[in-house]
Amino acid sequence: MNVEHEIGLLKEEIKRLGSPGPDGNVQVTFGVLFKDDRCANIFEALVGTLKAAKKRKIVSYDGELLLQGVHDHVQIVLLQE
């Protein structure tokens, strides 16, 4: 799959699973994304897709690498819809 297509899918999943934050941007925790069955079927490498989206300033989150369990509470904010 190409990266732009995966980022588009990621945006849709964040909108589906997330809710508006205090700044009005949709946000979801990494744990919710990671544990969702639909996301697990769509994304072969969720962390890689998130990293590519962060580099393009489409999403924002604290840290560089997100790991399941350790970073389940990290908020992923959708900057561009």
PDB file of N, CA and C in Angstrom:
ATOM      1  N   MET A   1       0.839  -1.200   0.000  1.00  0.00           N
ATOM      2  CA  MET A   1       0.000   0.000   0.000  1.00  0.00           C
ATOM      3  C   MET A   1       0.871   1.246   0.000  1.00  0.00           C
ATOM      4  N   ASN A   2       0.344   2.293  -0.599  1.00  0.00           N
ATOM      5  CA  ASN A   2       1.134   3.517  -0.559  1.00  0.00           C
ATOM      6  C   ASN A   2       0.821   4.308   0.714  1.00  0.00           C
ATOM      7  N   VAL A   3       1.778   5.107   1.107  1.00  0.00           N
ATOM      8  CA  VAL A   3       1.714   5.804   2.398  1.00  0.00           C
ATOM      9  C   VAL A   3       0.549   6.789   2.444  1.00  0.00           C
ATOM     10  N   GLU A   4       0.321   7.516   1.352  1.00  0.00           N
ATOM     11  CA  GLU A   4      -0.759   8.506   1.339  1.00  0.00           C
ATOM     12  C   GLU A   4      -2.119   7.819   1.541  1.00  0.00           C
ATOM     13  N   HIS A   5      -2.300   6.667   0.932  1.00  0.00           N
ATOM     14  CA  HIS A   5      -3.547   5.919   1.094  1.00  0.00           C
ATOM     15  C   HIS A   5      -3.713   5.474   2.550  1.00  0.00           C
ATOM     16  N   GLU A   6      -2.649   4.961   3.139  1.00  0.00           N
ATOM     17  CA  GLU A   6      -2.716   4.512   4.543  1.00  0.00           C
ATOM     18  C   GLU A   6      -3.008   5.682   5.481  1.00  0.00           C
ATOM     19  N   ILE A   7      -2.415   6.842   5.205  1.00  0.00           N
ATOM     20  CA  ILE A   7      -2.667   8.019   6.040  1.00  0.00           C
ATOM     21  C   ILE A   7      -4.135   8.437   5.918  1.00  0.00           C
ATOM     22  N   GLY A   8      -4.683   8.344   4.724  1.00  0.00           N
ATOM     23  CA  GLY A   8      -6.110   8.638   4.531  1.00  0.00           C
ATOM     24  C   GLY A   8      -6.991   7.703   5.352  1.00  0.00           C
ATOM     25  N   LEU A   9      -6.644   6.422   5.350  1.00  0.00           N
ATOM     26  CA  LEU A   9      -7.385   5.446   6.162  1.00  0.00           C
ATOM     27  C   LEU A   9      -7.241   5.754   7.653  1.00  0.00           C
ATOM     28  N   LEU A  10      -6.037   6.139   8.052  1.00  0.00           N
ATOM     29  CA  LEU A  10      -5.778   6.482   9.454  1.00  0.00           C
ATOM     30  C   LEU A  10      -6.658   7.656   9.890  1.00  0.00           C
ATOM     31  N   LYS A  11      -6.756   8.667   9.046  1.00  0.00           N
ATOM     32  CA  LYS A  11      -7.597   9.823   9.363  1.00  0.00           C
ATOM     33  C   LYS A  11      -9.042   9.396   9.580  1.00  0.00           C
ATOM     34  N   GLU A  12      -9.546   8.516   8.729  1.00  0.00           N
ATOM     35  CA  GLU A  12     -10.923   8.034   8.864  1.00  0.00           C
ATOM     36  C   GLU A  12     -11.112   7.260  10.172  1.00  0.00           C
ATOM     37  N   GLU A  13     -10.136   6.440  10.528  1.00  0.00           N
ATOM     38  CA  GLU A  13     -10.247   5.650  11.760  1.00  0.00           C
ATOM     39  C   GLU A  13     -10.162   6.536  13.004  1.00  0.00           C
ATOM     40  N   ILE A  14      -9.340   7.557  12.966  1.00  0.00           N
ATOM     41  CA  ILE A  14      -9.259   8.482  14.108  1.00  0.00           C
ATOM     42  C   ILE A  14     -10.599   9.200  14.267  1.00  0.00           C
ATOM     43  N   LYS A  15     -11.214   9.603  13.157  1.00  0.00           N
ATOM     44  CA  LYS A  15     -12.524  10.263  13.221  1.00  0.00           C
ATOM     45  C   LYS A  15     -13.589   9.294  13.757  1.00  0.00           C
ATOM     46  N   ARG A  16     -13.508   8.035  13.338  1.00  0.00           N
ATOM     47  CA  ARG A  16     -14.495   7.030  13.769  1.00  0.00           C
ATOM     48  C   ARG A  16     -14.380   6.747  15.265  1.00  0.00           C
ATOM     49  N   LEU A  17     -13.156   6.614  15.768  1.00  0.00           N
ATOM     50  CA  LEU A  17     -12.938   6.189  17.152  1.00  0.00           C
ATOM     51  C   LEU A  17     -12.766   7.345  18.134  1.00  0.00           C
ATOM     52  N   GLY A  18     -12.409   8.510  17.621  1.00  0.00           N
ATOM     53  CA  GLY A  18     -12.076   9.631  18.493  1.00  0.00           C
ATOM     54  C   GLY A  18     -13.255  10.524  18.813  1.00  0.00           C
ATOM     55  N   SER A  19     -12.935  11.572  19.533  1.00  0.00           N
ATOM     56  CA  SER A  19     -13.919  12.589  19.882  1.00  0.00           C
ATOM     57  C   SER A  19     -13.207  13.936  19.928  1.00  0.00           C
ATOM     58  N   PRO A  20     -13.962  15.027  19.792  1.00  0.00           N
ATOM     59  CA  PRO A  20     -13.328  16.351  19.811  1.00  0.00           C
ATOM     60  C   PRO A  20     -12.662  16.641  21.156  1.00  0.00           C
ATOM     61  N   GLY A  21     -11.454  17.167  21.078  1.00  0.00           N
ATOM     62  CA  GLY A  21     -10.730  17.547  22.284  1.00  0.00           C
ATOM     63  C   GLY A  21     -11.028  18.981  22.645  1.00  0.00           C
ATOM     64  N   PRO A  22     -10.336  19.511  23.659  1.00  0.00           N
ATOM     65  CA  PRO A  22     -10.574  20.886  24.109  1.00  0.00           C
ATOM     66  C   PRO A  22     -10.326  21.925  23.009  1.00  0.00           C
ATOM     67  N   ASP A  23      -9.428  21.615  22.077  1.00  0.00           N
ATOM     68  CA  ASP A  23      -9.117  22.562  20.999  1.00  0.00           C
ATOM     69  C   ASP A  23     -10.011  22.365  19.772  1.00  0.00           C
ATOM     70  N   GLY A  24     -10.943  21.412  19.855  1.00  0.00           N
ATOM     71  CA  GLY A  24     -11.849  21.161  18.746  1.00  0.00           C
ATOM     72  C   GLY A  24     -11.364  20.104  17.767  1.00  0.00           C
ATOM     73  N   ASN A  25     -10.082  19.737  17.858  1.00  0.00           N
ATOM     74  CA  ASN A  25      -9.542  18.692  16.978  1.00  0.00           C
ATOM     75  C   ASN A  25      -9.923  17.316  17.510  1.00  0.00           C
ATOM     76  N   VAL A  26     -10.193  16.400  16.597  1.00  0.00           N
ATOM     77  CA  VAL A  26     -10.533  15.032  16.993  1.00  0.00           C
ATOM     78  C   VAL A  26      -9.288  14.354  17.553  1.00  0.00           C
ATOM     79  N   GLN A  27      -9.448  13.627  18.646  1.00  0.00           N
ATOM     80  CA  GLN A  27      -8.316  12.916  19.237  1.00  0.00           C
ATOM     81  C   GLN A  27      -8.760  11.560  19.762  1.00  0.00           C
ATOM     82  N   VAL A  28      -7.792  10.663  19.821  1.00  0.00           N
ATOM     83  CA  VAL A  28      -8.034   9.307  20.288  1.00  0.00           C
ATOM     84  C   VAL A  28      -6.747   8.818  20.950  1.00  0.00           C
ATOM     85  N   THR A  29      -6.854   7.910  21.911  1.00  0.00           N
ATOM     86  CA  THR A  29      -5.632   7.394  22.522  1.00  0.00           C
ATOM     87  C   THR A  29      -5.038   6.296  21.644  1.00  0.00           C
ATOM     88  N   PHE A  30      -3.737   6.118  21.761  1.00  0.00           N
ATOM     89  CA  PHE A  30      -3.052   5.075  21.001  1.00  0.00           C
ATOM     90  C   PHE A  30      -3.619   3.702  21.339  1.00  0.00           C
ATOM     91  N   GLY A  31      -3.933   3.478  22.600  1.00  0.00           N
ATOM     92  CA  GLY A  31      -4.470   2.183  23.019  1.00  0.00           C
ATOM     93  C   GLY A  31      -5.773   1.839  22.326  1.00  0.00           C
ATOM     94  N   VAL A  32      -6.657   2.831  22.182  1.00  0.00           N
ATOM     95  CA  VAL A  32      -7.940   2.597  21.495  1.00  0.00           C
ATOM     96  C   VAL A  32      -7.695   2.232  20.040  1.00  0.00           C
ATOM     97  N   LEU A  33      -6.816   2.977  19.371  1.00  0.00           N
ATOM     98  CA  LEU A  33      -6.487   2.677  17.971  1.00  0.00           C
ATOM     99  C   LEU A  33      -5.870   1.296  17.831  1.00  0.00           C
ATOM    100  N   PHE A  34      -4.894   1.011  18.686  1.00  0.00           N
ATOM    101  CA  PHE A  34      -4.136  -0.231  18.580  1.00  0.00           C
ATOM    102  C   PHE A  34      -5.010  -1.459  18.833  1.00  0.00           C
ATOM    103  N   LYS A  35      -5.939  -1.349  19.774  1.00  0.00           N
ATOM    104  CA  LYS A  35      -6.744  -2.509  20.172  1.00  0.00           C
ATOM    105  C   LYS A  35      -7.999  -2.699  19.321  1.00  0.00           C
ATOM    106  N   ASP A  36      -8.306  -1.741  18.455  1.00  0.00           N
ATOM    107  CA  ASP A  36      -9.499  -1.833  17.626  1.00  0.00           C
ATOM    108  C   ASP A  36      -9.317  -2.906  16.548  1.00  0.00           C
ATOM    109  N   ASP A  37     -10.285  -3.814  16.436  1.00  0.00           N
ATOM    110  CA  ASP A  37     -10.192  -4.912  15.458  1.00  0.00           C
ATOM    111  C   ASP A  37     -10.124  -4.420  14.024  1.00  0.00           C
ATOM    112  N   ARG A  38     -10.920  -3.427  13.700  1.00  0.00           N
ATOM    113  CA  ARG A  38     -10.919  -2.901  12.325  1.00  0.00           C
ATOM    114  C   ARG A  38      -9.552  -2.316  11.970  1.00  0.00           C
ATOM    115  N   CYS A  39      -8.969  -1.551  12.890  1.00  0.00           N
ATOM    116  CA  CYS A  39      -7.632  -0.977  12.662  1.00  0.00           C
ATOM    117  C   CYS A  39      -6.588  -2.081  12.508  1.00  0.00           C
ATOM    118  N   ALA A  40      -6.715  -3.112  13.307  1.00  0.00           N
ATOM    119  CA  ALA A  40      -5.757  -4.225  13.235  1.00  0.00           C
ATOM    120  C   ALA A  40      -5.803  -4.893  11.865  1.00  0.00           C
ATOM    121  N   ASN A  41      -6.994  -4.948  11.264  1.00  0.00           N
ATOM    122  CA  ASN A  41      -7.130  -5.545   9.940  1.00  0.00           C
ATOM    123  C   ASN A  41      -6.661  -4.627   8.822  1.00  0.00           C
ATOM    124  N   ILE A  42      -6.766  -3.319   9.026  1.00  0.00           N
ATOM    125  CA  ILE A  42      -6.394  -2.350   7.991  1.00  0.00           C
ATOM    126  C   ILE A  42      -4.887  -2.110   7.970  1.00  0.00           C
ATOM    127  N   PHE A  43      -4.318  -1.876   9.138  1.00  0.00           N
ATOM    128  CA  PHE A  43      -2.928  -1.423   9.215  1.00  0.00           C
ATOM    129  C   PHE A  43      -1.976  -2.550   9.577  1.00  0.00           C
ATOM    130  N   GLU A  44      -1.070  -2.826   8.665  1.00  0.00           N
ATOM    131  CA  GLU A  44      -0.042  -3.819   8.930  1.00  0.00           C
ATOM    132  C   GLU A  44       0.974  -3.258   9.923  1.00  0.00           C
ATOM    133  N   ALA A  45       1.254  -1.961   9.787  1.00  0.00           N
ATOM    134  CA  ALA A  45       2.223  -1.299  10.662  1.00  0.00           C
ATOM    135  C   ALA A  45       1.632   0.032  11.133  1.00  0.00           C
ATOM    136  N   LEU A  46       0.753  -0.033  12.120  1.00  0.00           N
ATOM    137  CA  LEU A  46       0.086   1.170  12.624  1.00  0.00           C
ATOM    138  C   LEU A  46       1.090   2.214  13.088  1.00  0.00           C
ATOM    139  N   VAL A  47       2.112   1.790  13.815  1.00  0.00           N
ATOM    140  CA  VAL A  47       3.112   2.725  14.342  1.00  0.00           C
ATOM    141  C   VAL A  47       3.834   3.443  13.192  1.00  0.00           C
ATOM    142  N   GLY A  48       4.143   2.719  12.142  1.00  0.00           N
ATOM    143  CA  GLY A  48       4.802   3.326  10.981  1.00  0.00           C
ATOM    144  C   GLY A  48       3.906   4.329  10.278  1.00  0.00           C
ATOM    145  N   THR A  49       2.626   4.009  10.166  1.00  0.00           N
ATOM    146  CA  THR A  49       1.671   4.929   9.545  1.00  0.00           C
ATOM    147  C   THR A  49       1.522   6.183  10.395  1.00  0.00           C
ATOM    148  N   LEU A  50       1.461   6.010  11.709  1.00  0.00           N
ATOM    149  CA  LEU A  50       1.375   7.164  12.607  1.00  0.00           C
ATOM    150  C   LEU A  50       2.615   8.054  12.485  1.00  0.00           C
ATOM    151  N   LYS A  51       3.769   7.427  12.408  1.00  0.00           N
ATOM    152  CA  LYS A  51       5.013   8.177  12.291  1.00  0.00           C
ATOM    153  C   LYS A  51       5.047   8.981  10.989  1.00  0.00           C
ATOM    154  N   ALA A  52       4.605   8.371   9.887  1.00  0.00           N
ATOM    155  CA  ALA A  52       4.563   9.058   8.594  1.00  0.00           C
ATOM    156  C   ALA A  52       3.569  10.219   8.637  1.00  0.00           C
ATOM    157  N   ALA A  53       2.422  10.017   9.289  1.00  0.00           N
ATOM    158  CA  ALA A  53       1.414  11.074   9.405  1.00  0.00           C
ATOM    159  C   ALA A  53       1.919  12.217  10.284  1.00  0.00           C
ATOM    160  N   LYS A  54       2.665  11.888  11.320  1.00  0.00           N
ATOM    161  CA  LYS A  54       3.225  12.929  12.192  1.00  0.00           C
ATOM    162  C   LYS A  54       4.263  13.753  11.436  1.00  0.00           C
ATOM    163  N   LYS A  55       5.076  13.091  10.643  1.00  0.00           N
ATOM    164  CA  LYS A  55       6.102  13.777   9.859  1.00  0.00           C
ATOM    165  C   LYS A  55       5.462  14.773   8.882  1.00  0.00           C
ATOM    166  N   ARG A  56       4.278  14.420   8.363  1.00  0.00           N
ATOM    167  CA  ARG A  56       3.549  15.282   7.418  1.00  0.00           C
ATOM    168  C   ARG A  56       2.642  16.287   8.139  1.00  0.00           C
ATOM    169  N   LYS A  57       2.714  16.311   9.477  1.00  0.00           N
ATOM    170  CA  LYS A  57       1.924  17.215  10.318  1.00  0.00           C
ATOM    171  C   LYS A  57       0.414  17.020  10.142  1.00  0.00           C
ATOM    172  N   ILE A  58       0.013  15.765   9.970  1.00  0.00           N
ATOM    173  CA  ILE A  58      -1.403  15.417   9.869  1.00  0.00           C
ATOM    174  C   ILE A  58      -1.937  15.020  11.243  1.00  0.00           C
ATOM    175  N   VAL A  59      -1.071  14.393  12.041  1.00  0.00           N
ATOM    176  CA  VAL A  59      -1.410  14.074  13.430  1.00  0.00           C
ATOM    177  C   VAL A  59      -0.300  14.594  14.335  1.00  0.00           C
ATOM    178  N   SER A  60      -0.636  14.689  15.606  1.00  0.00           N
ATOM    179  CA  SER A  60       0.335  15.121  16.609  1.00  0.00           C
ATOM    180  C   SER A  60       0.205  14.214  17.824  1.00  0.00           C
ATOM    181  N   TYR A  61       1.339  13.862  18.400  1.00  0.00           N
ATOM    182  CA  TYR A  61       1.355  13.095  19.654  1.00  0.00           C
ATOM    183  C   TYR A  61       2.726  13.265  20.290  1.00  0.00           C
ATOM    184  N   ASP A  62       2.779  13.032  21.591  1.00  0.00           N
ATOM    185  CA  ASP A  62       4.035  13.152  22.323  1.00  0.00           C
ATOM    186  C   ASP A  62       4.910  11.938  22.063  1.00  0.00           C
ATOM    187  N   GLY A  63       6.201  12.177  21.909  1.00  0.00           N
ATOM    188  CA  GLY A  63       7.152  11.088  21.727  1.00  0.00           C
ATOM    189  C   GLY A  63       7.402  10.777  20.267  1.00  0.00           C
ATOM    190  N   GLU A  64       8.321   9.873  20.041  1.00  0.00           N
ATOM    191  CA  GLU A  64       8.687   9.465  18.690  1.00  0.00           C
ATOM    192  C   GLU A  64       8.072   8.124  18.331  1.00  0.00           C
ATOM    193  N   LEU A  65       8.286   7.140  19.202  1.00  0.00           N
ATOM    194  CA  LEU A  65       7.853   5.776  18.941  1.00  0.00           C
ATOM    195  C   LEU A  65       6.810   5.377  19.971  1.00  0.00           C
ATOM    196  N   LEU A  66       5.672   4.894  19.518  1.00  0.00           N
ATOM    197  CA  LEU A  66       4.614   4.464  20.430  1.00  0.00           C
ATOM    198  C   LEU A  66       4.630   2.940  20.541  1.00  0.00           C
ATOM    199  N   LEU A  67       4.587   2.463  21.762  1.00  0.00           N
ATOM    200  CA  LEU A  67       4.599   1.026  22.022  1.00  0.00           C
ATOM    201  C   LEU A  67       3.327   0.628  22.750  1.00  0.00           C
ATOM    202  N   GLN A  68       2.739  -0.491  22.336  1.00  0.00           N
ATOM    203  CA  GLN A  68       1.520  -0.965  22.975  1.00  0.00           C
ATOM    204  C   GLN A  68       1.775  -1.247  24.442  1.00  0.00           C
ATOM    205  N   GLY A  69       0.815  -0.877  25.272  1.00  0.00           N
ATOM    206  CA  GLY A  69       0.951  -1.069  26.713  1.00  0.00           C
ATOM    207  C   GLY A  69       1.557   0.150  27.372  1.00  0.00           C
ATOM    208  N   VAL A  70       2.776   0.460  27.009  1.00  0.00           N
ATOM    209  CA  VAL A  70       3.501   1.588  27.615  1.00  0.00           C
ATOM    210  C   VAL A  70       2.863   2.930  27.239  1.00  0.00           C
ATOM    211  N   HIS A  71       2.429   3.067  25.996  1.00  0.00           N
ATOM    212  CA  HIS A  71       1.928   4.346  25.491  1.00  0.00           C
ATOM    213  C   HIS A  71       0.429   4.328  25.167  1.00  0.00           C
ATOM    214  N   ASP A  72      -0.311   3.407  25.759  1.00  0.00           N
ATOM    215  CA  ASP A  72      -1.747   3.307  25.476  1.00  0.00           C
ATOM    216  C   ASP A  72      -2.505   4.594  25.796  1.00  0.00           C
ATOM    217  N   HIS A  73      -2.007   5.373  26.743  1.00  0.00           N
ATOM    218  CA  HIS A  73      -2.692   6.593  27.184  1.00  0.00           C
ATOM    219  C   HIS A  73      -2.349   7.821  26.342  1.00  0.00           C
ATOM    220  N   VAL A  74      -1.393   7.729  25.437  1.00  0.00           N
ATOM    221  CA  VAL A  74      -0.946   8.881  24.641  1.00  0.00           C
ATOM    222  C   VAL A  74      -2.055   9.315  23.683  1.00  0.00           C
ATOM    223  N   GLN A  75      -2.352  10.618  23.718  1.00  0.00           N
ATOM    224  CA  GLN A  75      -3.381  11.175  22.840  1.00  0.00           C
ATOM    225  C   GLN A  75      -2.811  11.437  21.450  1.00  0.00           C
ATOM    226  N   ILE A  76      -3.522  10.982  20.445  1.00  0.00           N
ATOM    227  CA  ILE A  76      -3.169  11.257  19.050  1.00  0.00           C
ATOM    228  C   ILE A  76      -4.201  12.253  18.552  1.00  0.00           C
ATOM    229  N   VAL A  77      -3.741  13.426  18.141  1.00  0.00           N
ATOM    230  CA  VAL A  77      -4.621  14.505  17.731  1.00  0.00           C
ATOM    231  C   VAL A  77      -4.580  14.641  16.213  1.00  0.00           C
ATOM    232  N   LEU A  78      -5.742  14.652  15.592  1.00  0.00           N
ATOM    233  CA  LEU A  78      -5.861  14.833  14.147  1.00  0.00           C
ATOM    234  C   LEU A  78      -5.809  16.323  13.847  1.00  0.00           C
ATOM    235  N   LEU A  79      -4.733  16.765  13.171  1.00  0.00           N
ATOM    236  CA  LEU A  79      -4.545  18.175  12.870  1.00  0.00           C
ATOM    237  C   LEU A  79      -5.190  18.577  11.553  1.00  0.00           C
ATOM    238  N   GLN A  80      -5.226  17.654  10.595  1.00  0.00           N
ATOM    239  CA  GLN A  80      -5.807  17.924   9.276  1.00  0.00           C
ATOM    240  C   GLN A  80      -6.858  16.874   8.970  1.00  0.00           C
ATOM    241  N   GLU A  81      -8.038  17.343   8.605  1.00  0.00           N
ATOM    242  CA  GLU A  81      -9.093  16.398   8.231  1.00  0.00           C
ATOM    243  C   GLU A  81      -9.103  16.316   6.750  1.00  0.00           C
TER     244      GLU A  81
END
